[in-house]
Amino acid sequence: MSINRRRFVQATSASALLASVGDAVMAQVATESLKVVTGFPPGGTSDNLCRRI
C-alpha cells in the first residue's frame, strides 16, 4: 500500500494536533471520586464498562 502526499500531510497534521492537545486535556483531570450507579448486577457488561471509566 503506497501513501500519497496528501494522505501523509493529513496524518502528520493530525498527529501534531493530537500531541499538542494532550497538555490541555491533562489539566482538567477530576480530583474527586465519581459515583456511577447502574441498574444491573455486578459482573455484567455494564458493570465492567463502568468500572473502566
PDB file of N, CA and C in Angstrom:
ATOM      1  N   MET A   1       0.847  -1.173   0.000  1.00  0.00           N
ATOM      2  CA  MET A   1       0.000   0.000   0.000  1.00  0.00           C
ATOM      3  C   MET A   1       0.891   1.234   0.000  1.00  0.00           C
ATOM      4  N   SER A   2       0.751   2.049  -1.012  1.00  0.00           N
ATOM      5  CA  SER A   2       1.544   3.274  -1.070  1.00  0.00           C
ATOM      6  C   SER A   2       0.750   4.435  -0.476  1.00  0.00           C
ATOM      7  N   ILE A   3       1.456   5.419   0.010  1.00  0.00           N
ATOM      8  CA  ILE A   3       0.824   6.586   0.616  1.00  0.00           C
ATOM      9  C   ILE A   3       1.172   7.805  -0.239  1.00  0.00           C
ATOM     10  N   ASN A   4       0.162   8.582  -0.567  1.00  0.00           N
ATOM     11  CA  ASN A   4       0.428   9.755  -1.379  1.00  0.00           C
ATOM     12  C   ASN A   4       0.698  10.967  -0.488  1.00  0.00           C
ATOM     13  N   ARG A   5       1.091  12.052  -1.089  1.00  0.00           N
ATOM     14  CA  ARG A   5       1.487  13.251  -0.348  1.00  0.00           C
ATOM     15  C   ARG A   5       0.343  13.806   0.480  1.00  0.00           C
ATOM     16  N   ARG A   6      -0.841  13.841  -0.062  1.00  0.00           N
ATOM     17  CA  ARG A   6      -1.994  14.395   0.652  1.00  0.00           C
ATOM     18  C   ARG A   6      -2.281  13.604   1.925  1.00  0.00           C
ATOM     19  N   ARG A   7      -2.270  12.297   1.826  1.00  0.00           N
ATOM     20  CA  ARG A   7      -2.533  11.438   2.979  1.00  0.00           C
ATOM     21  C   ARG A   7      -1.439  11.605   4.040  1.00  0.00           C
ATOM     22  N   PHE A   8      -0.199  11.736   3.591  1.00  0.00           N
ATOM     23  CA  PHE A   8       0.918  11.938   4.509  1.00  0.00           C
ATOM     24  C   PHE A   8       0.779  13.253   5.270  1.00  0.00           C
ATOM     25  N   VAL A   9       0.417  14.316   4.574  1.00  0.00           N
ATOM     26  CA  VAL A   9       0.252  15.619   5.223  1.00  0.00           C
ATOM     27  C   VAL A   9      -0.911  15.573   6.209  1.00  0.00           C
ATOM     28  N   GLN A  10      -1.994  14.913   5.859  1.00  0.00           N
ATOM     29  CA  GLN A  10      -3.131  14.793   6.774  1.00  0.00           C
ATOM     30  C   GLN A  10      -2.744  14.023   8.035  1.00  0.00           C
ATOM     31  N   ALA A  11      -2.049  12.931   7.876  1.00  0.00           N
ATOM     32  CA  ALA A  11      -1.650  12.118   9.025  1.00  0.00           C
ATOM     33  C   ALA A  11      -0.666  12.867   9.915  1.00  0.00           C
ATOM     34  N   THR A  12       0.270  13.576   9.320  1.00  0.00           N
ATOM     35  CA  THR A  12       1.242  14.343  10.091  1.00  0.00           C
ATOM     36  C   THR A  12       0.569  15.477  10.845  1.00  0.00           C
ATOM     37  N   SER A  13      -0.363  16.156  10.195  1.00  0.00           N
ATOM     38  CA  SER A  13      -1.092  17.249  10.844  1.00  0.00           C
ATOM     39  C   SER A  13      -1.939  16.739  11.997  1.00  0.00           C
ATOM     40  N   ALA A  14      -2.609  15.630  11.799  1.00  0.00           N
ATOM     41  CA  ALA A  14      -3.438  15.056  12.860  1.00  0.00           C
ATOM     42  C   ALA A  14      -2.580  14.629  14.043  1.00  0.00           C
ATOM     43  N   SER A  15      -1.427  14.052  13.777  1.00  0.00           N
ATOM     44  CA  SER A  15      -0.532  13.639  14.862  1.00  0.00           C
ATOM     45  C   SER A  15      -0.031  14.842  15.655  1.00  0.00           C
ATOM     46  N   ALA A  16       0.329  15.909  14.968  1.00  0.00           N
ATOM     47  CA  ALA A  16       0.808  17.112  15.650  1.00  0.00           C
ATOM     48  C   ALA A  16      -0.301  17.751  16.474  1.00  0.00           C
ATOM     49  N   LEU A  17      -1.510  17.765  15.939  1.00  0.00           N
ATOM     50  CA  LEU A  17      -2.638  18.344  16.663  1.00  0.00           C
ATOM     51  C   LEU A  17      -2.946  17.544  17.922  1.00  0.00           C
ATOM     52  N   LEU A  18      -2.981  16.231  17.810  1.00  0.00           N
ATOM     53  CA  LEU A  18      -3.266  15.393  18.973  1.00  0.00           C
ATOM     54  C   LEU A  18      -2.163  15.482  20.022  1.00  0.00           C
ATOM     55  N   ALA A  19      -0.935  15.627  19.598  1.00  0.00           N
ATOM     56  CA  ALA A  19       0.175  15.743  20.545  1.00  0.00           C
ATOM     57  C   ALA A  19       0.115  17.059  21.311  1.00  0.00           C
ATOM     58  N   SER A  20      -0.356  18.123  20.660  1.00  0.00           N
ATOM     59  CA  SER A  20      -0.414  19.425  21.325  1.00  0.00           C
ATOM     60  C   SER A  20      -1.614  19.557  22.249  1.00  0.00           C
ATOM     61  N   VAL A  21      -2.650  18.771  22.047  1.00  0.00           N
ATOM     62  CA  VAL A  21      -3.857  18.854  22.865  1.00  0.00           C
ATOM     63  C   VAL A  21      -3.673  18.129  24.196  1.00  0.00           C
ATOM     64  N   GLY A  22      -2.732  17.234  24.297  1.00  0.00           N
ATOM     65  CA  GLY A  22      -2.542  16.421  25.494  1.00  0.00           C
ATOM     66  C   GLY A  22      -2.382  17.210  26.778  1.00  0.00           C
ATOM     67  N   ASP A  23      -1.615  18.297  26.761  1.00  0.00           N
ATOM     68  CA  ASP A  23      -1.402  19.093  27.969  1.00  0.00           C
ATOM     69  C   ASP A  23      -2.683  19.753  28.439  1.00  0.00           C
ATOM     70  N   ALA A  24      -3.487  20.249  27.526  1.00  0.00           N
ATOM     71  CA  ALA A  24      -4.740  20.903  27.904  1.00  0.00           C
ATOM     72  C   ALA A  24      -5.726  19.905  28.494  1.00  0.00           C
ATOM     73  N   VAL A  25      -5.742  18.709  27.979  1.00  0.00           N
ATOM     74  CA  VAL A  25      -6.656  17.688  28.484  1.00  0.00           C
ATOM     75  C   VAL A  25      -6.240  17.239  29.879  1.00  0.00           C
ATOM     76  N   MET A  26      -4.965  17.066  30.107  1.00  0.00           N
ATOM     77  CA  MET A  26      -4.485  16.626  31.413  1.00  0.00           C
ATOM     78  C   MET A  26      -4.700  17.682  32.487  1.00  0.00           C
ATOM     79  N   ALA A  27      -4.859  18.938  32.101  1.00  0.00           N
ATOM     80  CA  ALA A  27      -5.081  19.999  33.079  1.00  0.00           C
ATOM     81  C   ALA A  27      -6.477  19.911  33.681  1.00  0.00           C
ATOM     82  N   GLN A  28      -7.373  19.132  33.092  1.00  0.00           N
ATOM     83  CA  GLN A  28      -8.748  19.060  33.543  1.00  0.00           C
ATOM     84  C   GLN A  28      -9.077  17.725  34.201  1.00  0.00           C
ATOM     85  N   VAL A  29      -8.107  17.085  34.778  1.00  0.00           N
ATOM     86  CA  VAL A  29      -8.331  15.801  35.433  1.00  0.00           C
ATOM     87  C   VAL A  29      -9.149  16.018  36.700  1.00  0.00           C
ATOM     88  N   ALA A  30     -10.151  15.192  36.910  1.00  0.00           N
ATOM     89  CA  ALA A  30     -11.002  15.312  38.089  1.00  0.00           C
ATOM     90  C   ALA A  30     -10.231  14.898  39.333  1.00  0.00           C
ATOM     91  N   THR A  31     -10.419  15.645  40.402  1.00  0.00           N
ATOM     92  CA  THR A  31      -9.730  15.331  41.653  1.00  0.00           C
ATOM     93  C   THR A  31     -10.637  14.595  42.624  1.00  0.00           C
ATOM     94  N   GLU A  32     -11.925  14.597  42.373  1.00  0.00           N
ATOM     95  CA  GLU A  32     -12.879  13.935  43.253  1.00  0.00           C
ATOM     96  C   GLU A  32     -13.313  12.603  42.653  1.00  0.00           C
ATOM     97  N   SER A  33     -13.839  11.742  43.499  1.00  0.00           N
ATOM     98  CA  SER A  33     -14.356  10.460  43.023  1.00  0.00           C
ATOM     99  C   SER A  33     -15.671  10.675  42.293  1.00  0.00           C
ATOM    100  N   LEU A  34     -15.944   9.809  41.370  1.00  0.00           N
ATOM    101  CA  LEU A  34     -17.176   9.867  40.604  1.00  0.00           C
ATOM    102  C   LEU A  34     -17.976   8.618  40.908  1.00  0.00           C
ATOM    103  N   LYS A  35     -19.243   8.796  41.234  1.00  0.00           N
ATOM    104  CA  LYS A  35     -20.095   7.658  41.569  1.00  0.00           C
ATOM    105  C   LYS A  35     -21.039   7.388  40.400  1.00  0.00           C
ATOM    106  N   VAL A  36     -20.953   6.200  39.845  1.00  0.00           N
ATOM    107  CA  VAL A  36     -21.805   5.788  38.735  1.00  0.00           C
ATOM    108  C   VAL A  36     -22.703   4.668  39.229  1.00  0.00           C
ATOM    109  N   VAL A  37     -24.008   4.835  39.049  1.00  0.00           N
ATOM    110  CA  VAL A  37     -24.973   3.837  39.510  1.00  0.00           C
ATOM    111  C   VAL A  37     -25.583   3.163  38.292  1.00  0.00           C
ATOM    112  N   THR A  38     -25.494   1.833  38.250  1.00  0.00           N
ATOM    113  CA  THR A  38     -26.128   1.074  37.170  1.00  0.00           C
ATOM    114  C   THR A  38     -27.197   0.171  37.766  1.00  0.00           C
ATOM    115  N   GLY A  39     -28.181  -0.132  36.976  1.00  0.00           N
ATOM    116  CA  GLY A  39     -29.277  -0.964  37.446  1.00  0.00           C
ATOM    117  C   GLY A  39     -29.106  -2.431  37.122  1.00  0.00           C
ATOM    118  N   PHE A  40     -27.877  -2.869  36.940  1.00  0.00           N
ATOM    119  CA  PHE A  40     -27.610  -4.252  36.565  1.00  0.00           C
ATOM    120  C   PHE A  40     -26.718  -4.908  37.610  1.00  0.00           C
ATOM    121  N   PRO A  41     -26.738  -6.230  37.715  1.00  0.00           N
ATOM    122  CA  PRO A  41     -25.941  -6.919  38.734  1.00  0.00           C
ATOM    123  C   PRO A  41     -24.437  -6.826  38.449  1.00  0.00           C
ATOM    124  N   PRO A  42     -23.615  -7.012  39.493  1.00  0.00           N
ATOM    125  CA  PRO A  42     -22.163  -6.960  39.295  1.00  0.00           C
ATOM    126  C   PRO A  42     -21.671  -8.116  38.424  1.00  0.00           C
ATOM    127  N   GLY A  43     -20.617  -7.848  37.681  1.00  0.00           N
ATOM    128  CA  GLY A  43     -20.020  -8.874  36.833  1.00  0.00           C
ATOM    129  C   GLY A  43     -20.527  -8.848  35.406  1.00  0.00           C
ATOM    130  N   GLY A  44     -21.530  -8.034  35.135  1.00  0.00           N
ATOM    131  CA  GLY A  44     -22.073  -7.953  33.785  1.00  0.00           C
ATOM    132  C   GLY A  44     -21.283  -6.988  32.917  1.00  0.00           C
ATOM    133  N   THR A  45     -21.730  -6.839  31.684  1.00  0.00           N
ATOM    134  CA  THR A  45     -21.044  -5.959  30.743  1.00  0.00           C
ATOM    135  C   THR A  45     -21.086  -4.515  31.193  1.00  0.00           C
ATOM    136  N   SER A  46     -22.260  -4.041  31.618  1.00  0.00           N
ATOM    137  CA  SER A  46     -22.365  -2.642  32.043  1.00  0.00           C
ATOM    138  C   SER A  46     -21.521  -2.382  33.286  1.00  0.00           C
ATOM    139  N   ASP A  47     -21.427  -3.337  34.186  1.00  0.00           N
ATOM    140  CA  ASP A  47     -20.598  -3.186  35.384  1.00  0.00           C
ATOM    141  C   ASP A  47     -19.125  -3.071  35.003  1.00  0.00           C
ATOM    142  N   ASN A  48     -18.675  -3.908  34.098  1.00  0.00           N
ATOM    143  CA  ASN A  48     -17.276  -3.850  33.656  1.00  0.00           C
ATOM    144  C   ASN A  48     -16.962  -2.534  32.961  1.00  0.00           C
ATOM    145  N   LEU A  49     -17.875  -2.051  32.129  1.00  0.00           N
ATOM    146  CA  LEU A  49     -17.654  -0.779  31.445  1.00  0.00           C
ATOM    147  C   LEU A  49     -17.596   0.375  32.430  1.00  0.00           C
ATOM    148  N   CYS A  50     -18.486   0.392  33.401  1.00  0.00           N
ATOM    149  CA  CYS A  50     -18.493   1.471  34.397  1.00  0.00           C
ATOM    150  C   CYS A  50     -17.234   1.445  35.250  1.00  0.00           C
ATOM    151  N   ARG A  51     -16.733   0.280  35.551  1.00  0.00           N
ATOM    152  CA  ARG A  51     -15.511   0.196  36.358  1.00  0.00           C
ATOM    153  C   ARG A  51     -14.304   0.710  35.587  1.00  0.00           C
ATOM    154  N   ARG A  52     -14.297   0.530  34.293  1.00  0.00           N
ATOM    155  CA  ARG A  52     -13.170   1.002  33.487  1.00  0.00           C
ATOM    156  C   ARG A  52     -13.205   2.508  33.282  1.00  0.00           C
ATOM    157  N   ILE A  53     -14.382   3.078  33.330  1.00  0.00           N
ATOM    158  CA  ILE A  53     -14.499   4.536  33.167  1.00  0.00           C
ATOM    159  C   ILE A  53     -13.975   5.192  34.406  1.00  0.00           C
TER     160      ILE A  53
END
